[in-house]
PDB file of N, CA and C in Angstrom:
ATOM      1  N   MET A   1      26.427  23.141  13.934  1.00  0.00           N
ATOM      2  CA  MET A   1      25.390  23.084  14.893  1.00  0.00           C
ATOM      3  C   MET A   1      24.086  22.763  14.201  1.00  0.00           C
ATOM      4  N   ILE A   2      23.318  21.888  14.788  1.00  0.00           N
ATOM      5  CA  ILE A   2      22.014  21.505  14.228  1.00  0.00           C
ATOM      6  C   ILE A   2      20.998  21.595  15.374  1.00  0.00           C
ATOM      7  N   THR A   3      19.833  22.128  15.110  1.00  0.00           N
ATOM      8  CA  THR A   3      18.736  22.145  16.080  1.00  0.00           C
ATOM      9  C   THR A   3      17.534  21.436  15.510  1.00  0.00           C
ATOM     10  N   GLU A   4      16.855  20.750  16.365  1.00  0.00           N
ATOM     11  CA  GLU A   4      15.595  20.055  15.987  1.00  0.00           C
ATOM     12  C   GLU A   4      14.752  19.955  17.260  1.00  0.00           C
ATOM     13  N   GLY A   5      13.638  20.632  17.272  1.00  0.00           N
ATOM     14  CA  GLY A   5      12.776  20.587  18.438  1.00  0.00           C
ATOM     15  C   GLY A   5      13.499  21.164  19.649  1.00  0.00           C
ATOM     16  N   ASP A   6      13.603  20.341  20.694  1.00  0.00           N
ATOM     17  CA  ASP A   6      14.290  20.799  21.899  1.00  0.00           C
ATOM     18  C   ASP A   6      15.725  20.332  22.014  1.00  0.00           C
ATOM     19  N   LEU A   7      16.290  19.829  20.885  1.00  0.00           N
ATOM     20  CA  LEU A   7      17.665  19.324  20.863  1.00  0.00           C
ATOM     21  C   LEU A   7      18.590  20.234  20.060  1.00  0.00           C
ATOM     22  N   VAL A   8      19.827  20.378  20.540  1.00  0.00           N
ATOM     23  CA  VAL A   8      20.878  21.086  19.819  1.00  0.00           C
ATOM     24  C   VAL A   8      22.072  20.128  19.741  1.00  0.00           C
ATOM     25  N   VAL A   9      22.602  19.943  18.553  1.00  0.00           N
ATOM     26  CA  VAL A   9      23.751  19.058  18.377  1.00  0.00           C
ATOM     27  C   VAL A   9      24.928  19.882  17.877  1.00  0.00           C
ATOM     28  N   ILE A  10      26.077  19.702  18.490  1.00  0.00           N
ATOM     29  CA  ILE A  10      27.290  20.412  18.107  1.00  0.00           C
ATOM     30  C   ILE A  10      28.398  19.373  17.898  1.00  0.00           C
ATOM     31  N   ARG A  11      28.968  19.402  16.702  1.00  0.00           N
ATOM     32  CA  ARG A  11      30.173  18.572  16.427  1.00  0.00           C
ATOM     33  C   ARG A  11      31.330  19.534  16.398  1.00  0.00           C
ATOM     34  N   TYR A  12      32.394  19.178  17.091  1.00  0.00           N
ATOM     35  CA  TYR A  12      33.544  20.086  17.228  1.00  0.00           C
ATOM     36  C   TYR A  12      34.844  19.375  16.953  1.00  0.00           C
ATOM     37  N   ARG A  13      35.858  20.181  16.712  1.00  0.00           N
ATOM     38  CA  ARG A  13      37.250  19.741  16.571  1.00  0.00           C
ATOM     39  C   ARG A  13      38.035  20.613  17.512  1.00  0.00           C
ATOM     40  N   ALA A  14      38.822  19.996  18.388  1.00  0.00           N
ATOM     41  CA  ALA A  14      39.608  20.734  19.356  1.00  0.00           C
ATOM     42  C   ALA A  14      41.095  20.444  19.128  1.00  0.00           C
ATOM     43  N   THR A  15      41.908  21.409  19.393  1.00  0.00           N
ATOM     44  CA  THR A  15      43.382  21.241  19.296  1.00  0.00           C
ATOM     45  C   THR A  15      44.018  21.792  20.537  1.00  0.00           C
ATOM     46  N   GLY A  16      45.171  21.283  20.865  1.00  0.00           N
ATOM     47  CA  GLY A  16      45.928  21.750  21.999  1.00  0.00           C
ATOM     48  C   GLY A  16      47.331  21.199  21.990  1.00  0.00           C
ATOM     49  N   THR A  17      48.094  21.572  22.995  1.00  0.00           N
ATOM     50  CA  THR A  17      49.430  21.055  23.172  1.00  0.00           C
ATOM     51  C   THR A  17      49.472  20.324  24.504  1.00  0.00           C
ATOM     52  N   HIS A  18      50.014  19.097  24.497  1.00  0.00           N
ATOM     53  CA  HIS A  18      50.101  18.320  25.716  1.00  0.00           C
ATOM     54  C   HIS A  18      51.198  18.854  26.638  1.00  0.00           C
ATOM     55  N   ALA A  19      50.854  19.877  27.416  1.00  0.00           N
ATOM     56  CA  ALA A  19      51.819  20.598  28.225  1.00  0.00           C
ATOM     57  C   ALA A  19      51.840  20.183  29.698  1.00  0.00           C
ATOM     58  N   GLY A  20      50.857  19.385  30.098  1.00  0.00           N
ATOM     59  CA  GLY A  20      50.783  18.922  31.481  1.00  0.00           C
ATOM     60  C   GLY A  20      50.303  17.500  31.541  1.00  0.00           C
ATOM     61  N   GLU A  21      50.383  16.886  32.715  1.00  0.00           N
ATOM     62  CA  GLU A  21      49.920  15.490  32.859  1.00  0.00           C
ATOM     63  C   GLU A  21      48.453  15.398  32.454  1.00  0.00           C
ATOM     64  N   PHE A  22      48.117  14.367  31.695  1.00  0.00           N
ATOM     65  CA  PHE A  22      46.747  14.176  31.266  1.00  0.00           C
ATOM     66  C   PHE A  22      46.407  12.687  31.379  1.00  0.00           C
ATOM     67  N   GLN A  23      45.456  12.350  32.215  1.00  0.00           N
ATOM     68  CA  GLN A  23      45.029  10.978  32.455  1.00  0.00           C
ATOM     69  C   GLN A  23      46.215  10.046  32.696  1.00  0.00           C
ATOM     70  N   GLY A  24      47.175  10.501  33.464  1.00  0.00           N
ATOM     71  CA  GLY A  24      48.295   9.656  33.862  1.00  0.00           C
ATOM     72  C   GLY A  24      49.457   9.703  32.863  1.00  0.00           C
ATOM     73  N   TYR A  25      49.296  10.413  31.736  1.00  0.00           N
ATOM     74  CA  TYR A  25      50.376  10.498  30.738  1.00  0.00           C
ATOM     75  C   TYR A  25      51.182  11.776  30.984  1.00  0.00           C
ATOM     76  N   ALA A  26      52.503  11.614  31.138  1.00  0.00           N
ATOM     77  CA  ALA A  26      53.370  12.742  31.359  1.00  0.00           C
ATOM     78  C   ALA A  26      53.362  13.663  30.140  1.00  0.00           C
ATOM     79  N   PRO A  27      53.577  14.994  30.311  1.00  0.00           N
ATOM     80  CA  PRO A  27      53.565  15.931  29.214  1.00  0.00           C
ATOM     81  C   PRO A  27      54.588  15.534  28.103  1.00  0.00           C
ATOM     82  N   THR A  28      54.154  15.667  26.868  1.00  0.00           N
ATOM     83  CA  THR A  28      55.032  15.322  25.707  1.00  0.00           C
ATOM     84  C   THR A  28      55.386  16.570  24.907  1.00  0.00           C
ATOM     85  N   GLY A  29      54.606  17.648  25.067  1.00  0.00           N
ATOM     86  CA  GLY A  29      54.802  18.838  24.239  1.00  0.00           C
ATOM     87  C   GLY A  29      54.233  18.659  22.841  1.00  0.00           C
ATOM     88  N   LYS A  30      53.609  17.504  22.547  1.00  0.00           N
ATOM     89  CA  LYS A  30      53.061  17.245  21.191  1.00  0.00           C
ATOM     90  C   LYS A  30      51.750  17.993  20.981  1.00  0.00           C
ATOM     91  N   PRO A  31      51.509  18.438  19.714  1.00  0.00           N
ATOM     92  CA  PRO A  31      50.214  18.981  19.389  1.00  0.00           C
ATOM     93  C   PRO A  31      49.207  17.821  19.289  1.00  0.00           C
ATOM     94  N   VAL A  32      47.982  18.049  19.697  1.00  0.00           N
ATOM     95  CA  VAL A  32      46.957  17.011  19.722  1.00  0.00           C
ATOM     96  C   VAL A  32      45.660  17.594  19.152  1.00  0.00           C
ATOM     97  N   THR A  33      44.957  16.835  18.328  1.00  0.00           N
ATOM     98  CA  THR A  33      43.680  17.239  17.772  1.00  0.00           C
ATOM     99  C   THR A  33      42.705  16.103  17.948  1.00  0.00           C
ATOM    100  N   TRP A  34      41.470  16.428  18.360  1.00  0.00           N
ATOM    101  CA  TRP A  34      40.452  15.400  18.518  1.00  0.00           C
ATOM    102  C   TRP A  34      39.065  15.987  18.166  1.00  0.00           C
ATOM    103  N   THR A  35      38.130  15.131  17.983  1.00  0.00           N
ATOM    104  CA  THR A  35      36.754  15.559  17.656  1.00  0.00           C
ATOM    105  C   THR A  35      35.792  15.022  18.691  1.00  0.00           C
ATOM    106  N   GLY A  36      34.572  15.614  18.691  1.00  0.00           N
ATOM    107  CA  GLY A  36      33.574  15.162  19.598  1.00  0.00           C
ATOM    108  C   GLY A  36      32.211  15.677  19.175  1.00  0.00           C
ATOM    109  N   ILE A  37      31.226  15.193  19.820  1.00  0.00           N
ATOM    110  CA  ILE A  37      29.822  15.609  19.581  1.00  0.00           C
ATOM    111  C   ILE A  37      29.128  15.781  20.946  1.00  0.00           C
ATOM    112  N   ASN A  38      28.460  16.896  21.101  1.00  0.00           N
ATOM    113  CA  ASN A  38      27.635  17.177  22.260  1.00  0.00           C
ATOM    114  C   ASN A  38      26.189  17.317  21.798  1.00  0.00           C
ATOM    115  N   ILE A  39      25.284  16.706  22.542  1.00  0.00           N
ATOM    116  CA  ILE A  39      23.843  16.859  22.276  1.00  0.00           C
ATOM    117  C   ILE A  39      23.211  17.427  23.537  1.00  0.00           C
ATOM    118  N   TYR A  40      22.534  18.534  23.371  1.00  0.00           N
ATOM    119  CA  TYR A  40      21.889  19.220  24.481  1.00  0.00           C
ATOM    120  C   TYR A  40      20.364  19.158  24.309  1.00  0.00           C
ATOM    121  N   ARG A  41      19.646  18.881  25.412  1.00  0.00           N
ATOM    122  CA  ARG A  41      18.201  19.013  25.404  1.00  0.00           C
ATOM    123  C   ARG A  41      17.846  20.290  26.187  1.00  0.00           C
ATOM    124  N   ILE A  42      17.126  21.179  25.524  1.00  0.00           N
ATOM    125  CA  ILE A  42      16.806  22.458  26.098  1.00  0.00           C
ATOM    126  C   ILE A  42      15.350  22.423  26.667  1.00  0.00           C
ATOM    127  N   GLU A  43      15.218  22.951  27.853  1.00  0.00           N
ATOM    128  CA  GLU A  43      13.882  23.025  28.515  1.00  0.00           C
ATOM    129  C   GLU A  43      13.777  24.413  29.175  1.00  0.00           C
ATOM    130  N   CYS A  44      12.778  25.155  28.782  1.00  0.00           N
ATOM    131  CA  CYS A  44      12.532  26.483  29.333  1.00  0.00           C
ATOM    132  C   CYS A  44      13.758  27.378  29.137  1.00  0.00           C
ATOM    133  N   GLY A  45      14.444  27.262  28.002  1.00  0.00           N
ATOM    134  CA  GLY A  45      15.574  28.128  27.721  1.00  0.00           C
ATOM    135  C   GLY A  45      16.867  27.740  28.417  1.00  0.00           C
ATOM    136  N   ARG A  46      16.873  26.599  29.081  1.00  0.00           N
ATOM    137  CA  ARG A  46      18.095  26.156  29.805  1.00  0.00           C
ATOM    138  C   ARG A  46      18.451  24.716  29.375  1.00  0.00           C
ATOM    139  N   ILE A  47      19.698  24.383  29.573  1.00  0.00           N
ATOM    140  CA  ILE A  47      20.139  23.012  29.287  1.00  0.00           C
ATOM    141  C   ILE A  47      19.609  22.076  30.355  1.00  0.00           C
ATOM    142  N   ALA A  48      18.824  21.100  29.949  1.00  0.00           N
ATOM    143  CA  ALA A  48      18.246  20.150  30.885  1.00  0.00           C
ATOM    144  C   ALA A  48      19.025  18.829  30.923  1.00  0.00           C
ATOM    145  N   GLU A  49      19.579  18.423  29.771  1.00  0.00           N
ATOM    146  CA  GLU A  49      20.357  17.204  29.688  1.00  0.00           C
ATOM    147  C   GLU A  49      21.452  17.420  28.651  1.00  0.00           C
ATOM    148  N   VAL A  50      22.559  16.638  28.850  1.00  0.00           N
ATOM    149  CA  VAL A  50      23.671  16.682  27.902  1.00  0.00           C
ATOM    150  C   VAL A  50      24.189  15.276  27.659  1.00  0.00           C
ATOM    151  N   TRP A  51      24.432  14.932  26.430  1.00  0.00           N
ATOM    152  CA  TRP A  51      25.100  13.683  26.044  1.00  0.00           C
ATOM    153  C   TRP A  51      26.327  14.080  25.276  1.00  0.00           C
ATOM    154  N   SER A  52      27.457  13.402  25.587  1.00  0.00           N
ATOM    155  CA  SER A  52      28.725  13.764  24.949  1.00  0.00           C
ATOM    156  C   SER A  52      29.442  12.533  24.448  1.00  0.00           C
ATOM    157  N   GLU A  53      30.177  12.711  23.358  1.00  0.00           N
ATOM    158  CA  GLU A  53      31.073  11.688  22.791  1.00  0.00           C
ATOM    159  C   GLU A  53      32.341  12.387  22.392  1.00  0.00           C
ATOM    160  N   VAL A  54      33.463  11.828  22.764  1.00  0.00           N
ATOM    161  CA  VAL A  54      34.765  12.407  22.385  1.00  0.00           C
ATOM    162  C   VAL A  54      35.690  11.256  21.907  1.00  0.00           C
ATOM    163  N   ASP A  55      36.516  11.570  20.958  1.00  0.00           N
ATOM    164  CA  ASP A  55      37.458  10.551  20.456  1.00  0.00           C
ATOM    165  C   ASP A  55      38.644  10.443  21.409  1.00  0.00           C
ATOM    166  N   ALA A  56      38.390   9.876  22.581  1.00  0.00           N
ATOM    167  CA  ALA A  56      39.411   9.748  23.631  1.00  0.00           C
ATOM    168  C   ALA A  56      40.527   8.800  23.181  1.00  0.00           C
ATOM    169  N   GLN A  57      40.185   7.752  22.459  1.00  0.00           N
ATOM    170  CA  GLN A  57      41.179   6.787  21.989  1.00  0.00           C
ATOM    171  C   GLN A  57      42.129   7.432  20.988  1.00  0.00           C
ATOM    172  N   GLY A  58      41.592   8.233  20.090  1.00  0.00           N
ATOM    173  CA  GLY A  58      42.447   8.911  19.119  1.00  0.00           C
ATOM    174  C   GLY A  58      43.339   9.925  19.765  1.00  0.00           C
ATOM    175  N   ARG A  59      42.813  10.609  20.803  1.00  0.00           N
ATOM    176  CA  ARG A  59      43.590  11.617  21.527  1.00  0.00           C
ATOM    177  C   ARG A  59      44.784  10.967  22.228  1.00  0.00           C
ATOM    178  N   ILE A  60      44.529   9.868  22.947  1.00  0.00           N
ATOM    179  CA  ILE A  60      45.609   9.155  23.667  1.00  0.00           C
ATOM    180  C   ILE A  60      46.588   8.577  22.673  1.00  0.00           C
ATOM    181  N   ALA A  61      46.102   8.033  21.553  1.00  0.00           N
ATOM    182  CA  ALA A  61      46.991   7.457  20.550  1.00  0.00           C
ATOM    183  C   ALA A  61      47.972   8.528  20.080  1.00  0.00           C
ATOM    184  N   GLN A  62      47.548   9.743  19.938  1.00  0.00           N
ATOM    185  CA  GLN A  62      48.447  10.820  19.493  1.00  0.00           C
ATOM    186  C   GLN A  62      49.517  11.107  20.531  1.00  0.00           C
ATOM    187  N   LEU A  63      49.150  10.989  21.798  1.00  0.00           N
ATOM    188  CA  LEU A  63      50.104  11.263  22.905  1.00  0.00           C
ATOM    189  C   LEU A  63      51.115  10.146  23.060  1.00  0.00           C
ATOM    190  N   THR A  64      50.669   8.908  22.838  1.00  0.00           N
ATOM    191  CA  THR A  64      51.568   7.768  23.049  1.00  0.00           C
ATOM    192  C   THR A  64      52.246   7.306  21.773  1.00  0.00           C
ATOM    193  N   GLY A  65      51.735   7.729  20.621  1.00  0.00           N
ATOM    194  CA  GLY A  65      52.306   7.290  19.338  1.00  0.00           C
ATOM    195  C   GLY A  65      51.890   5.869  18.938  1.00  0.00           C
ATOM    196  N   SER A  66      50.891   5.317  19.695  1.00  0.00           N
ATOM    197  CA  SER A  66      50.439   3.981  19.418  1.00  0.00           C
ATOM    198  C   SER A  66      48.938   3.885  19.514  1.00  0.00           C
ATOM    199  N   ALA A  67      48.310   3.467  18.446  1.00  0.00           N
ATOM    200  CA  ALA A  67      46.843   3.316  18.453  1.00  0.00           C
ATOM    201  C   ALA A  67      46.421   2.156  19.321  1.00  0.00           C
ATOM    202  N   THR A  68      47.297   1.203  19.550  1.00  0.00           N
ATOM    203  CA  THR A  68      46.947   0.029  20.356  1.00  0.00           C
ATOM    204  C   THR A  68      47.253   0.244  21.834  1.00  0.00           C
ATOM    205  N   ALA A  69      47.871   1.354  22.207  1.00  0.00           N
ATOM    206  CA  ALA A  69      48.233   1.588  23.592  1.00  0.00           C
ATOM    207  C   ALA A  69      47.041   1.619  24.518  1.00  0.00           C
ATOM    208  N   VAL A  70      45.878   1.964  23.994  1.00  0.00           N
ATOM    209  CA  VAL A  70      44.689   2.108  24.852  1.00  0.00           C
ATOM    210  C   VAL A  70      43.653   1.037  24.613  1.00  0.00           C
ATOM    211  N   ILE A  71      43.945   0.068  23.744  1.00  0.00           N
ATOM    212  CA  ILE A  71      43.003  -0.996  23.432  1.00  0.00           C
ATOM    213  C   ILE A  71      43.428  -2.254  24.174  1.00  0.00           C
ATOM    214  N   PRO A  72      42.643  -2.727  25.136  1.00  0.00           N
ATOM    215  CA  PRO A  72      43.054  -3.937  25.861  1.00  0.00           C
ATOM    216  C   PRO A  72      42.971  -5.158  24.919  1.00  0.00           C
ATOM    217  N   ALA A  73      43.832  -6.128  25.196  1.00  0.00           N
ATOM    218  CA  ALA A  73      43.817  -7.369  24.415  1.00  0.00           C
ATOM    219  C   ALA A  73      42.491  -8.089  24.602  1.00  0.00           C
ATOM    220  N   VAL A  74      42.091  -8.865  23.605  1.00  0.00           N
ATOM    221  CA  VAL A  74      40.835  -9.614  23.703  1.00  0.00           C
ATOM    222  C   VAL A  74      40.925 -10.554  24.871  1.00  0.00           C
ATOM    223  N   GLY A  75      39.849 -10.561  25.687  1.00  0.00           N
ATOM    224  CA  GLY A  75      39.824 -11.433  26.866  1.00  0.00           C
ATOM    225  C   GLY A  75      40.457 -10.834  28.096  1.00  0.00           C
ATOM    226  N   THR A  76      41.018  -9.609  27.974  1.00  0.00           N
ATOM    227  CA  THR A  76      41.598  -8.942  29.135  1.00  0.00           C
ATOM    228  C   THR A  76      40.468  -8.249  29.932  1.00  0.00           C
ATOM    229  N   PRO A  77      40.366  -8.562  31.213  1.00  0.00           N
ATOM    230  CA  PRO A  77      39.325  -7.918  32.030  1.00  0.00           C
ATOM    231  C   PRO A  77      39.603  -6.419  32.138  1.00  0.00           C
ATOM    232  N   THR A  78      38.551  -5.610  32.076  1.00  0.00           N
ATOM    233  CA  THR A  78      38.708  -4.166  32.229  1.00  0.00           C
ATOM    234  C   THR A  78      38.528  -3.835  33.689  1.00  0.00           C
ATOM    235  N   PRO A  79      39.257  -2.831  34.198  1.00  0.00           N
ATOM    236  CA  PRO A  79      39.137  -2.467  35.585  1.00  0.00           C
ATOM    237  C   PRO A  79      37.787  -1.886  35.932  1.00  0.00           C
TER     238      PRO A  79
END
């Protein structure tokens, strides 16, 4: 955790077991680990704004066993 002025930054590592459907992927029972960063702006002792980043691609790659499973081909329109 880092604080500077009215900002608080937290980098985290989360782990879990894929025991239920997640973003359309059927449960695999596999252990999954991912990282992320949250940035909070504090105003009057309360959270006023939040920015988040999570390694969603890495998390899905662990569930599917393929790092390319979630990367669209070049030139493929995104929904």
